[in-house]
Amino acid sequence: MAGGWARDGAVNEQIEASISDELQRMRAAQARAKAESRTHCAECEEPIPEARRAARPGVQLCIDCQQERDGSYNARGGINRRGSKDSQLK
């Protein structure tokens, strides 16, 4: 049964697409964690201490570059990305 302007199954398609996107993001993060740690930072080429490489398997960035990256905000698409009536009401 469709609700509002949506066709049958549109809500379920949105939910499945959102779950699929999040699973893909999590699998990519998991693959990065299993990768071999770098000895030098991927951005600034400074050496990465052995203790950091041991504590964070798959580390690619030095502490300074990682803190800079963590401080920046990356907006991701929301759940309701097809511009349905529900998103216009909020």
PDB file of N, CA and C in Angstrom:
ATOM      1  N   MET A   1       0.833  -1.175   0.000  1.00  0.00           N
ATOM      2  CA  MET A   1       0.000   0.000   0.000  1.00  0.00           C
ATOM      3  C   MET A   1       0.877   1.238   0.000  1.00  0.00           C
ATOM      4  N   ALA A   2       0.652   2.119  -0.924  1.00  0.00           N
ATOM      5  CA  ALA A   2       1.424   3.349  -1.022  1.00  0.00           C
ATOM      6  C   ALA A   2       0.862   4.394  -0.072  1.00  0.00           C
ATOM      7  N   GLY A   3       1.720   5.220   0.452  1.00  0.00           N
ATOM      8  CA  GLY A   3       1.285   6.295   1.332  1.00  0.00           C
ATOM      9  C   GLY A   3       1.625   7.630   0.717  1.00  0.00           C
ATOM     10  N   GLY A   4       0.693   8.546   0.693  1.00  0.00           N
ATOM     11  CA  GLY A   4       0.974   9.866   0.134  1.00  0.00           C
ATOM     12  C   GLY A   4       1.243   9.785  -1.353  1.00  0.00           C
ATOM     13  N   TRP A   5       2.351  10.343  -1.785  1.00  0.00           N
ATOM     14  CA  TRP A   5       2.694  10.362  -3.209  1.00  0.00           C
ATOM     15  C   TRP A   5       3.602   9.211  -3.605  1.00  0.00           C
ATOM     16  N   ALA A   6       3.997   8.406  -2.638  1.00  0.00           N
ATOM     17  CA  ALA A   6       4.941   7.321  -2.910  1.00  0.00           C
ATOM     18  C   ALA A   6       4.231   6.135  -3.559  1.00  0.00           C
ATOM     19  N   ARG A   7       4.956   5.429  -4.410  1.00  0.00           N
ATOM     20  CA  ARG A   7       4.408   4.236  -5.023  1.00  0.00           C
ATOM     21  C   ARG A   7       4.581   3.053  -4.080  1.00  0.00           C
ATOM     22  N   ASP A   8       3.974   1.952  -4.391  1.00  0.00           N
ATOM     23  CA  ASP A   8       4.079   0.761  -3.551  1.00  0.00           C
ATOM     24  C   ASP A   8       5.537   0.337  -3.410  1.00  0.00           C
ATOM     25  N   GLY A   9       5.959   0.063  -2.191  1.00  0.00           N
ATOM     26  CA  GLY A   9       7.307  -0.432  -1.940  1.00  0.00           C
ATOM     27  C   GLY A   9       8.385   0.638  -1.873  1.00  0.00           C
ATOM     28  N   ALA A  10       8.045   1.914  -2.060  1.00  0.00           N
ATOM     29  CA  ALA A  10       9.050   2.974  -2.079  1.00  0.00           C
ATOM     30  C   ALA A  10       9.743   3.122  -0.725  1.00  0.00           C
ATOM     31  N   VAL A  11       8.996   3.006   0.339  1.00  0.00           N
ATOM     32  CA  VAL A  11       9.574   3.152   1.676  1.00  0.00           C
ATOM     33  C   VAL A  11      10.560   2.025   1.941  1.00  0.00           C
ATOM     34  N   ASN A  12      10.169   0.801   1.602  1.00  0.00           N
ATOM     35  CA  ASN A  12      11.076  -0.334   1.800  1.00  0.00           C
ATOM     36  C   ASN A  12      12.332  -0.194   0.946  1.00  0.00           C
ATOM     37  N   GLU A  13      12.199   0.314  -0.262  1.00  0.00           N
ATOM     38  CA  GLU A  13      13.373   0.531  -1.118  1.00  0.00           C
ATOM     39  C   GLU A  13      14.321   1.540  -0.493  1.00  0.00           C
ATOM     40  N   GLN A  14      13.786   2.595   0.109  1.00  0.00           N
ATOM     41  CA  GLN A  14      14.627   3.596   0.757  1.00  0.00           C
ATOM     42  C   GLN A  14      15.355   3.000   1.954  1.00  0.00           C
ATOM     43  N   ILE A  15      14.644   2.214   2.735  1.00  0.00           N
ATOM     44  CA  ILE A  15      15.259   1.587   3.907  1.00  0.00           C
ATOM     45  C   ILE A  15      16.361   0.630   3.467  1.00  0.00           C
ATOM     46  N   GLU A  16      16.099  -0.199   2.475  1.00  0.00           N
ATOM     47  CA  GLU A  16      17.092  -1.158   1.982  1.00  0.00           C
ATOM     48  C   GLU A  16      18.303  -0.445   1.390  1.00  0.00           C
ATOM     49  N   ALA A  17      18.085   0.657   0.677  1.00  0.00           N
ATOM     50  CA  ALA A  17      19.202   1.409   0.102  1.00  0.00           C
ATOM     51  C   ALA A  17      20.057   2.027   1.198  1.00  0.00           C
ATOM     52  N   SER A  18      19.439   2.535   2.245  1.00  0.00           N
ATOM     53  CA  SER A  18      20.180   3.124   3.357  1.00  0.00           C
ATOM     54  C   SER A  18      21.001   2.073   4.091  1.00  0.00           C
ATOM     55  N   ILE A  19      20.403   0.924   4.328  1.00  0.00           N
ATOM     56  CA  ILE A  19      21.118  -0.161   4.997  1.00  0.00           C
ATOM     57  C   ILE A  19      22.276  -0.640   4.138  1.00  0.00           C
ATOM     58  N   SER A  20      22.061  -0.761   2.843  1.00  0.00           N
ATOM     59  CA  SER A  20      23.114  -1.196   1.926  1.00  0.00           C
ATOM     60  C   SER A  20      24.280  -0.210   1.919  1.00  0.00           C
ATOM     61  N   ASP A  21      23.978   1.085   1.900  1.00  0.00           N
ATOM     62  CA  ASP A  21      25.031   2.106   1.921  1.00  0.00           C
ATOM     63  C   ASP A  21      25.859   2.024   3.200  1.00  0.00           C
ATOM     64  N   GLU A  22      25.184   1.856   4.336  1.00  0.00           N
ATOM     65  CA  GLU A  22      25.891   1.793   5.608  1.00  0.00           C
ATOM     66  C   GLU A  22      26.729   0.526   5.711  1.00  0.00           C
ATOM     67  N   LEU A  23      26.212  -0.600   5.238  1.00  0.00           N
ATOM     68  CA  LEU A  23      27.006  -1.840   5.235  1.00  0.00           C
ATOM     69  C   LEU A  23      28.242  -1.707   4.363  1.00  0.00           C
ATOM     70  N   GLN A  24      28.095  -1.066   3.225  1.00  0.00           N
ATOM     71  CA  GLN A  24      29.236  -0.850   2.334  1.00  0.00           C
ATOM     72  C   GLN A  24      30.295   0.026   3.010  1.00  0.00           C
ATOM     73  N   ARG A  25      29.853   1.077   3.717  1.00  0.00           N
ATOM     74  CA  ARG A  25      30.788   1.955   4.419  1.00  0.00           C
ATOM     75  C   ARG A  25      31.514   1.197   5.532  1.00  0.00           C
ATOM     76  N   MET A  26      30.775   0.345   6.269  1.00  0.00           N
ATOM     77  CA  MET A  26      31.381  -0.417   7.348  1.00  0.00           C
ATOM     78  C   MET A  26      32.366  -1.460   6.819  1.00  0.00           C
ATOM     79  N   ARG A  27      32.027  -2.113   5.719  1.00  0.00           N
ATOM     80  CA  ARG A  27      32.945  -3.103   5.137  1.00  0.00           C
ATOM     81  C   ARG A  27      34.221  -2.446   4.637  1.00  0.00           C
ATOM     82  N   ALA A  28      34.106  -1.255   4.071  1.00  0.00           N
ATOM     83  CA  ALA A  28      35.294  -0.535   3.606  1.00  0.00           C
ATOM     84  C   ALA A  28      36.181  -0.159   4.790  1.00  0.00           C
ATOM     85  N   ALA A  29      35.580   0.277   5.885  1.00  0.00           N
ATOM     86  CA  ALA A  29      36.353   0.617   7.079  1.00  0.00           C
ATOM     87  C   ALA A  29      37.025  -0.625   7.663  1.00  0.00           C
ATOM     88  N   GLN A  30      36.330  -1.737   7.629  1.00  0.00           N
ATOM     89  CA  GLN A  30      36.898  -2.992   8.130  1.00  0.00           C
ATOM     90  C   GLN A  30      38.076  -3.444   7.274  1.00  0.00           C
ATOM     91  N   ALA A  31      37.961  -3.284   5.964  1.00  0.00           N
ATOM     92  CA  ALA A  31      39.051  -3.656   5.061  1.00  0.00           C
ATOM     93  C   ALA A  31      40.268  -2.766   5.290  1.00  0.00           C
ATOM     94  N   ARG A  32      40.035  -1.481   5.552  1.00  0.00           N
ATOM     95  CA  ARG A  32      41.158  -0.569   5.825  1.00  0.00           C
ATOM     96  C   ARG A  32      41.872  -0.976   7.098  1.00  0.00           C
ATOM     97  N   ALA A  33      41.115  -1.443   8.101  1.00  0.00           N
ATOM     98  CA  ALA A  33      41.715  -1.838   9.377  1.00  0.00           C
ATOM     99  C   ALA A  33      42.576  -3.086   9.218  1.00  0.00           C
ATOM    100  N   LYS A  34      42.239  -3.946   8.265  1.00  0.00           N
ATOM    101  CA  LYS A  34      43.006  -5.172   8.045  1.00  0.00           C
ATOM    102  C   LYS A  34      44.232  -4.943   7.164  1.00  0.00           C
ATOM    103  N   ALA A  35      44.304  -3.780   6.531  1.00  0.00           N
ATOM    104  CA  ALA A  35      45.432  -3.484   5.653  1.00  0.00           C
ATOM    105  C   ALA A  35      46.708  -3.310   6.480  1.00  0.00           C
ATOM    106  N   GLU A  36      47.817  -3.415   5.823  1.00  0.00           N
ATOM    107  CA  GLU A  36      49.095  -3.258   6.496  1.00  0.00           C
ATOM    108  C   GLU A  36      49.324  -1.801   6.863  1.00  0.00           C
ATOM    109  N   SER A  37      49.862  -1.566   8.047  1.00  0.00           N
ATOM    110  CA  SER A  37      50.145  -0.207   8.500  1.00  0.00           C
ATOM    111  C   SER A  37      51.294   0.391   7.698  1.00  0.00           C
ATOM    112  N   ARG A  38      51.208   1.678   7.479  1.00  0.00           N
ATOM    113  CA  ARG A  38      52.290   2.387   6.789  1.00  0.00           C
ATOM    114  C   ARG A  38      53.346   2.803   7.801  1.00  0.00           C
ATOM    115  N   THR A  39      54.568   2.912   7.363  1.00  0.00           N
ATOM    116  CA  THR A  39      55.639   3.387   8.241  1.00  0.00           C
ATOM    117  C   THR A  39      55.720   4.905   8.229  1.00  0.00           C
ATOM    118  N   HIS A  40      55.202   5.532   7.157  1.00  0.00           N
ATOM    119  CA  HIS A  40      55.183   6.989   7.044  1.00  0.00           C
ATOM    120  C   HIS A  40      53.769   7.441   6.679  1.00  0.00           C
ATOM    121  N   CYS A  41      53.398   8.620   7.139  1.00  0.00           N
ATOM    122  CA  CYS A  41      52.061   9.166   6.941  1.00  0.00           C
ATOM    123  C   CYS A  41      51.746   9.303   5.451  1.00  0.00           C
ATOM    124  N   ALA A  42      50.517   8.979   5.069  1.00  0.00           N
ATOM    125  CA  ALA A  42      50.086   9.064   3.676  1.00  0.00           C
ATOM    126  C   ALA A  42      49.932  10.505   3.211  1.00  0.00           C
ATOM    127  N   GLU A  43      49.779  11.453   4.142  1.00  0.00           N
ATOM    128  CA  GLU A  43      49.580  12.845   3.758  1.00  0.00           C
ATOM    129  C   GLU A  43      50.841  13.690   3.885  1.00  0.00           C
ATOM    130  N   CYS A  44      51.536  13.578   5.019  1.00  0.00           N
ATOM    131  CA  CYS A  44      52.683  14.480   5.246  1.00  0.00           C
ATOM    132  C   CYS A  44      54.036  13.772   5.194  1.00  0.00           C
ATOM    133  N   GLU A  45      54.044  12.448   5.045  1.00  0.00           N
ATOM    134  CA  GLU A  45      55.260  11.640   4.956  1.00  0.00           C
ATOM    135  C   GLU A  45      56.114  11.635   6.227  1.00  0.00           C
ATOM    136  N   GLU A  46      55.541  12.074   7.365  1.00  0.00           N
ATOM    137  CA  GLU A  46      56.253  11.983   8.640  1.00  0.00           C
ATOM    138  C   GLU A  46      56.234  10.526   9.103  1.00  0.00           C
ATOM    139  N   PRO A  47      57.269  10.081   9.805  1.00  0.00           N
ATOM    140  CA  PRO A  47      57.264   8.697  10.298  1.00  0.00           C
ATOM    141  C   PRO A  47      56.139   8.464  11.314  1.00  0.00           C
ATOM    142  N   ILE A  48      55.520   7.303  11.236  1.00  0.00           N
ATOM    143  CA  ILE A  48      54.483   6.918  12.195  1.00  0.00           C
ATOM    144  C   ILE A  48      55.153   6.049  13.250  1.00  0.00           C
ATOM    145  N   PRO A  49      55.039   6.414  14.530  1.00  0.00           N
ATOM    146  CA  PRO A  49      55.705   5.652  15.594  1.00  0.00           C
ATOM    147  C   PRO A  49      55.239   4.193  15.631  1.00  0.00           C
ATOM    148  N   GLU A  50      56.148   3.326  16.005  1.00  0.00           N
ATOM    149  CA  GLU A  50      55.857   1.893  16.084  1.00  0.00           C
ATOM    150  C   GLU A  50      54.709   1.612  17.048  1.00  0.00           C
ATOM    151  N   ALA A  51      54.644   2.355  18.148  1.00  0.00           N
ATOM    152  CA  ALA A  51      53.576   2.142  19.127  1.00  0.00           C
ATOM    153  C   ALA A  51      52.205   2.413  18.504  1.00  0.00           C
ATOM    154  N   ARG A  52      52.105   3.442  17.667  1.00  0.00           N
ATOM    155  CA  ARG A  52      50.828   3.742  17.006  1.00  0.00           C
ATOM    156  C   ARG A  52      50.473   2.640  16.014  1.00  0.00           C
ATOM    157  N   ARG A  53      51.458   2.159  15.273  1.00  0.00           N
ATOM    158  CA  ARG A  53      51.200   1.083  14.304  1.00  0.00           C
ATOM    159  C   ARG A  53      50.764  -0.189  15.003  1.00  0.00           C
ATOM    160  N   ALA A  54      51.308  -0.445  16.193  1.00  0.00           N
ATOM    161  CA  ALA A  54      50.916  -1.641  16.946  1.00  0.00           C
ATOM    162  C   ALA A  54      49.518  -1.482  17.541  1.00  0.00           C
ATOM    163  N   ALA A  55      49.197  -0.263  17.982  1.00  0.00           N
ATOM    164  CA  ALA A  55      47.897  -0.028  18.609  1.00  0.00           C
ATOM    165  C   ALA A  55      46.762   0.044  17.594  1.00  0.00           C
ATOM    166  N   ARG A  56      47.047   0.538  16.406  1.00  0.00           N
ATOM    167  CA  ARG A  56      46.020   0.727  15.372  1.00  0.00           C
ATOM    168  C   ARG A  56      46.442   0.002  14.096  1.00  0.00           C
ATOM    169  N   PRO A  57      46.168  -1.287  13.967  1.00  0.00           N
ATOM    170  CA  PRO A  57      46.536  -1.998  12.734  1.00  0.00           C
ATOM    171  C   PRO A  57      45.882  -1.342  11.518  1.00  0.00           C
ATOM    172  N   GLY A  58      46.652  -1.193  10.475  1.00  0.00           N
ATOM    173  CA  GLY A  58      46.146  -0.581   9.251  1.00  0.00           C
ATOM    174  C   GLY A  58      46.225   0.934   9.244  1.00  0.00           C
ATOM    175  N   VAL A  59      46.934   1.506  10.200  1.00  0.00           N
ATOM    176  CA  VAL A  59      47.011   2.970  10.294  1.00  0.00           C
ATOM    177  C   VAL A  59      47.709   3.541   9.057  1.00  0.00           C
ATOM    178  N   GLN A  60      47.161   4.646   8.555  1.00  0.00           N
ATOM    179  CA  GLN A  60      47.694   5.279   7.343  1.00  0.00           C
ATOM    180  C   GLN A  60      48.194   6.694   7.594  1.00  0.00           C
ATOM    181  N   LEU A  61      47.756   7.304   8.709  1.00  0.00           N
ATOM    182  CA  LEU A  61      48.069   8.700   8.983  1.00  0.00           C
ATOM    183  C   LEU A  61      48.770   8.852  10.325  1.00  0.00           C
ATOM    184  N   CYS A  62      49.610   9.890  10.427  1.00  0.00           N
ATOM    185  CA  CYS A  62      50.215  10.221  11.715  1.00  0.00           C
ATOM    186  C   CYS A  62      49.135  10.828  12.618  1.00  0.00           C
ATOM    187  N   ILE A  63      49.449  11.027  13.867  1.00  0.00           N
ATOM    188  CA  ILE A  63      48.460  11.521  14.826  1.00  0.00           C
ATOM    189  C   ILE A  63      47.957  12.910  14.434  1.00  0.00           C
ATOM    190  N   ASP A  64      48.861  13.803  14.030  1.00  0.00           N
ATOM    191  CA  ASP A  64      48.448  15.168  13.673  1.00  0.00           C
ATOM    192  C   ASP A  64      47.491  15.171  12.485  1.00  0.00           C
ATOM    193  N   CYS A  65      47.808  14.436  11.437  1.00  0.00           N
ATOM    194  CA  CYS A  65      46.938  14.386  10.255  1.00  0.00           C
ATOM    195  C   CYS A  65      45.605  13.724  10.586  1.00  0.00           C
ATOM    196  N   GLN A  66      45.631  12.691  11.429  1.00  0.00           N
ATOM    197  CA  GLN A  66      44.392  12.021  11.810  1.00  0.00           C
ATOM    198  C   GLN A  66      43.505  12.947  12.626  1.00  0.00           C
ATOM    199  N   GLN A  67      44.099  13.717  13.549  1.00  0.00           N
ATOM    200  CA  GLN A  67      43.302  14.659  14.341  1.00  0.00           C
ATOM    201  C   GLN A  67      42.697  15.737  13.452  1.00  0.00           C
ATOM    202  N   GLU A  68      43.443  16.192  12.464  1.00  0.00           N
ATOM    203  CA  GLU A  68      42.924  17.193  11.537  1.00  0.00           C
ATOM    204  C   GLU A  68      41.751  16.624  10.742  1.00  0.00           C
ATOM    205  N   ARG A  69      41.886  15.391  10.288  1.00  0.00           N
ATOM    206  CA  ARG A  69      40.817  14.750   9.515  1.00  0.00           C
ATOM    207  C   ARG A  69      39.592  14.497  10.396  1.00  0.00           C
ATOM    208  N   ASP A  70      39.804  14.077  11.638  1.00  0.00           N
ATOM    209  CA  ASP A  70      38.682  13.825  12.550  1.00  0.00           C
ATOM    210  C   ASP A  70      37.932  15.105  12.879  1.00  0.00           C
ATOM    211  N   GLY A  71      38.630  16.223  12.875  1.00  0.00           N
ATOM    212  CA  GLY A  71      38.003  17.498  13.202  1.00  0.00           C
ATOM    213  C   GLY A  71      37.135  18.044  12.087  1.00  0.00           C
ATOM    214  N   SER A  72      37.358  17.596  10.853  1.00  0.00           N
ATOM    215  CA  SER A  72      36.547  18.095   9.743  1.00  0.00           C
ATOM    216  C   SER A  72      35.241  17.319   9.670  1.00  0.00           C
ATOM    217  N   TYR A  73      34.184  17.996   9.266  1.00  0.00           N
ATOM    218  CA  TYR A  73      32.852  17.398   9.220  1.00  0.00           C
ATOM    219  C   TYR A  73      32.551  16.939   7.806  1.00  0.00           C
ATOM    220  N   ASN A  74      32.195  15.663   7.651  1.00  0.00           N
ATOM    221  CA  ASN A  74      31.791  15.111   6.361  1.00  0.00           C
ATOM    222  C   ASN A  74      30.316  14.771   6.421  1.00  0.00           C
ATOM    223  N   ALA A  75      29.511  15.558   5.740  1.00  0.00           N
ATOM    224  CA  ALA A  75      28.074  15.293   5.735  1.00  0.00           C
ATOM    225  C   ALA A  75      27.784  14.127   4.800  1.00  0.00           C
ATOM    226  N   ARG A  76      26.965  13.207   5.284  1.00  0.00           N
ATOM    227  CA  ARG A  76      26.539  12.084   4.457  1.00  0.00           C
ATOM    228  C   ARG A  76      25.081  12.277   4.126  1.00  0.00           C
ATOM    229  N   GLY A  77      24.656  11.659   3.055  1.00  0.00           N
ATOM    230  CA  GLY A  77      23.263  11.756   2.649  1.00  0.00           C
ATOM    231  C   GLY A  77      22.338  11.189   3.700  1.00  0.00           C
ATOM    232  N   GLY A  78      21.166  11.764   3.803  1.00  0.00           N
ATOM    233  CA  GLY A  78      20.205  11.320   4.793  1.00  0.00           C
ATOM    234  C   GLY A  78      19.466  10.076   4.343  1.00  0.00           C
ATOM    235  N   ILE A  79      18.585   9.633   5.165  1.00  0.00           N
ATOM    236  CA  ILE A  79      17.820   8.426   4.881  1.00  0.00           C
ATOM    237  C   ILE A  79      16.830   8.663   3.750  1.00  0.00           C
ATOM    238  N   ASN A  80      16.137   9.781   3.785  1.00  0.00           N
ATOM    239  CA  ASN A  80      15.096  10.057   2.811  1.00  0.00           C
ATOM    240  C   ASN A  80      15.686  10.873   1.668  1.00  0.00           C
ATOM    241  N   ARG A  81      16.251  10.213   0.676  1.00  0.00           N
ATOM    242  CA  ARG A  81      16.999  10.914  -0.355  1.00  0.00           C
ATOM    243  C   ARG A  81      16.250  11.064  -1.677  1.00  0.00           C
ATOM    244  N   ARG A  82      14.997  10.673  -1.735  1.00  0.00           N
ATOM    245  CA  ARG A  82      14.274  10.781  -2.998  1.00  0.00           C
ATOM    246  C   ARG A  82      13.319  11.969  -3.035  1.00  0.00           C
ATOM    247  N   GLY A  83      13.393  12.812  -2.023  1.00  0.00           N
ATOM    248  CA  GLY A  83      12.564  14.004  -2.010  1.00  0.00           C
ATOM    249  C   GLY A  83      11.089  13.694  -1.897  1.00  0.00           C
ATOM    250  N   SER A  84      10.735  12.740  -1.064  1.00  0.00           N
ATOM    251  CA  SER A  84       9.328  12.369  -0.940  1.00  0.00           C
ATOM    252  C   SER A  84       8.583  13.427  -0.125  1.00  0.00           C
ATOM    253  N   LYS A  85       7.304  13.261  -0.066  1.00  0.00           N
ATOM    254  CA  LYS A  85       6.437  14.191   0.655  1.00  0.00           C
ATOM    255  C   LYS A  85       6.871  14.301   2.116  1.00  0.00           C
ATOM    256  N   ASP A  86       7.278  13.193   2.727  1.00  0.00           N
ATOM    257  CA  ASP A  86       7.691  13.219   4.126  1.00  0.00           C
ATOM    258  C   ASP A  86       8.859  14.158   4.358  1.00  0.00           C
ATOM    259  N   SER A  87       9.806  14.194   3.430  1.00  0.00           N
ATOM    260  CA  SER A  87      10.971  15.066   3.634  1.00  0.00           C
ATOM    261  C   SER A  87      10.594  16.529   3.488  1.00  0.00           C
ATOM    262  N   GLN A  88       9.529  16.828   2.744  1.00  0.00           N
ATOM    263  CA  GLN A  88       9.103  18.202   2.566  1.00  0.00           C
ATOM    264  C   GLN A  88       8.337  18.709   3.794  1.00  0.00           C
ATOM    265  N   LEU A  89       7.811  17.807   4.591  1.00  0.00           N
ATOM    266  CA  LEU A  89       7.038  18.208   5.752  1.00  0.00           C
ATOM    267  C   LEU A  89       7.909  18.576   6.943  1.00  0.00           C
ATOM    268  N   LYS A  90       9.156  18.160   6.968  1.00  0.00           N
ATOM    269  CA  LYS A  90      10.023  18.384   8.117  1.00  0.00           C
ATOM    270  C   LYS A  90      10.645  19.752   8.080  1.00  0.00           C
TER     271      LYS A  90
END
